[in-house]
């Protein structure tokens, strides 16, 4: 027997949810900042990295966010 059920997907905002973390990666050389719960740390890494490497202008932001699902009964 097959039955269709309704599910919901949403960011996990429960008190025990994993924290949202941030990192930045240089798209030119592939080096990355450390992962941090505070975006200011990866942002500072970008500014330091491009100061040391003036031709590196492009970066990728990496956000890790916990998600959860639940079934509607």
C-alpha atoms as a PDB file:
ATOM      1  CA  UNK A   1       0.000   0.000   0.000  1.00  0.00           C
ATOM      2  CA  UNK A   2       1.259   3.459  -0.879  1.00  0.00           C
ATOM      3  CA  UNK A   3       0.035   6.579   0.788  1.00  0.00           C
ATOM      4  CA  UNK A   4       0.996  10.175   0.296  1.00  0.00           C
ATOM      5  CA  UNK A   5       1.885  12.204   3.334  1.00  0.00           C
ATOM      6  CA  UNK A   6       2.525  15.896   3.784  1.00  0.00           C
ATOM      7  CA  UNK A   7       5.957  16.870   5.081  1.00  0.00           C
ATOM      8  CA  UNK A   8       7.398  20.238   6.002  1.00  0.00           C
ATOM      9  CA  UNK A   9      11.029  21.317   5.680  1.00  0.00           C
ATOM     10  CA  UNK A  10      12.249  24.358   7.632  1.00  0.00           C
ATOM     11  CA  UNK A  11      15.391  25.711   9.274  1.00  0.00           C
ATOM     12  CA  UNK A  12      15.967  24.046  12.637  1.00  0.00           C
ATOM     13  CA  UNK A  13      15.274  26.701  15.266  1.00  0.00           C
ATOM     14  CA  UNK A  14      14.941  24.300  18.190  1.00  0.00           C
ATOM     15  CA  UNK A  15      17.011  25.167  21.286  1.00  0.00           C
ATOM     16  CA  UNK A  16      19.313  22.192  20.632  1.00  0.00           C
ATOM     17  CA  UNK A  17      19.797  22.931  16.915  1.00  0.00           C
ATOM     18  CA  UNK A  18      23.326  23.057  15.549  1.00  0.00           C
ATOM     19  CA  UNK A  19      24.538  26.653  15.180  1.00  0.00           C
ATOM     20  CA  UNK A  20      24.651  28.388  11.819  1.00  0.00           C
ATOM     21  CA  UNK A  21      28.284  28.634  10.713  1.00  0.00           C
ATOM     22  CA  UNK A  22      30.073  30.728   8.110  1.00  0.00           C
ATOM     23  CA  UNK A  23      33.260  30.422   6.093  1.00  0.00           C
ATOM     24  CA  UNK A  24      34.727  32.073   3.018  1.00  0.00           C
ATOM     25  CA  UNK A  25      36.740  30.463   0.220  1.00  0.00           C
ATOM     26  CA  UNK A  26      38.941  32.245  -2.292  1.00  0.00           C
ATOM     27  CA  UNK A  27      37.689  31.357  -5.788  1.00  0.00           C
ATOM     28  CA  UNK A  28      41.156  32.083  -7.217  1.00  0.00           C
ATOM     29  CA  UNK A  29      43.408  29.852  -5.087  1.00  0.00           C
ATOM     30  CA  UNK A  30      40.940  27.727  -3.091  1.00  0.00           C
ATOM     31  CA  UNK A  31      42.184  28.745   0.354  1.00  0.00           C
ATOM     32  CA  UNK A  32      39.479  29.017   3.008  1.00  0.00           C
ATOM     33  CA  UNK A  33      38.881  30.800   6.264  1.00  0.00           C
ATOM     34  CA  UNK A  34      38.186  28.909   9.448  1.00  0.00           C
ATOM     35  CA  UNK A  35      34.534  28.056  10.100  1.00  0.00           C
ATOM     36  CA  UNK A  36      32.915  30.390  12.623  1.00  0.00           C
ATOM     37  CA  UNK A  37      29.539  31.134  14.171  1.00  0.00           C
ATOM     38  CA  UNK A  38      30.414  34.841  13.770  1.00  0.00           C
ATOM     39  CA  UNK A  39      30.505  36.066  10.149  1.00  0.00           C
ATOM     40  CA  UNK A  40      32.931  38.845  11.106  1.00  0.00           C
ATOM     41  CA  UNK A  41      35.780  36.307  11.407  1.00  0.00           C
ATOM     42  CA  UNK A  42      35.562  34.941   7.833  1.00  0.00           C
ATOM     43  CA  UNK A  43      35.011  38.491   6.585  1.00  0.00           C
ATOM     44  CA  UNK A  44      38.229  39.606   8.271  1.00  0.00           C
ATOM     45  CA  UNK A  45      40.025  36.653   6.690  1.00  0.00           C
ATOM     46  CA  UNK A  46      38.845  37.796   3.218  1.00  0.00           C
ATOM     47  CA  UNK A  47      40.187  41.303   3.761  1.00  0.00           C
ATOM     48  CA  UNK A  48      43.516  39.958   5.014  1.00  0.00           C
ATOM     49  CA  UNK A  49      43.735  37.428   2.169  1.00  0.00           C
ATOM     50  CA  UNK A  50      43.088  39.973  -0.587  1.00  0.00           C
ATOM     51  CA  UNK A  51      45.536  42.364   1.078  1.00  0.00           C
ATOM     52  CA  UNK A  52      48.229  39.678   0.783  1.00  0.00           C
ATOM     53  CA  UNK A  53      47.053  38.611  -2.694  1.00  0.00           C
ATOM     54  CA  UNK A  54      45.949  41.753  -4.586  1.00  0.00           C
ATOM     55  CA  UNK A  55      44.782  39.791  -7.644  1.00  0.00           C
ATOM     56  CA  UNK A  56      42.349  37.661  -5.604  1.00  0.00           C
ATOM     57  CA  UNK A  57      39.006  39.456  -5.846  1.00  0.00           C
ATOM     58  CA  UNK A  58      36.433  36.654  -5.889  1.00  0.00           C
ATOM     59  CA  UNK A  59      35.254  34.689  -2.863  1.00  0.00           C
ATOM     60  CA  UNK A  60      32.507  32.199  -2.024  1.00  0.00           C
ATOM     61  CA  UNK A  61      30.478  32.328   1.150  1.00  0.00           C
ATOM     62  CA  UNK A  62      29.752  28.952   2.750  1.00  0.00           C
ATOM     63  CA  UNK A  63      26.821  28.896   5.171  1.00  0.00           C
ATOM     64  CA  UNK A  64      25.958  25.738   7.068  1.00  0.00           C
ATOM     65  CA  UNK A  65      22.450  25.783   8.504  1.00  0.00           C
ATOM     66  CA  UNK A  66      20.648  22.898  10.192  1.00  0.00           C
ATOM     67  CA  UNK A  67      17.283  21.959   8.722  1.00  0.00           C
ATOM     68  CA  UNK A  68      14.590  19.657   9.990  1.00  0.00           C
ATOM     69  CA  UNK A  69      11.534  17.918   8.617  1.00  0.00           C
ATOM     70  CA  UNK A  70       8.325  16.786  10.208  1.00  0.00           C
ATOM     71  CA  UNK A  71       5.361  14.841   8.973  1.00  0.00           C
ATOM     72  CA  UNK A  72       1.857  16.180   9.361  1.00  0.00           C
ATOM     73  CA  UNK A  73      -0.352  13.649  11.081  1.00  0.00           C
END
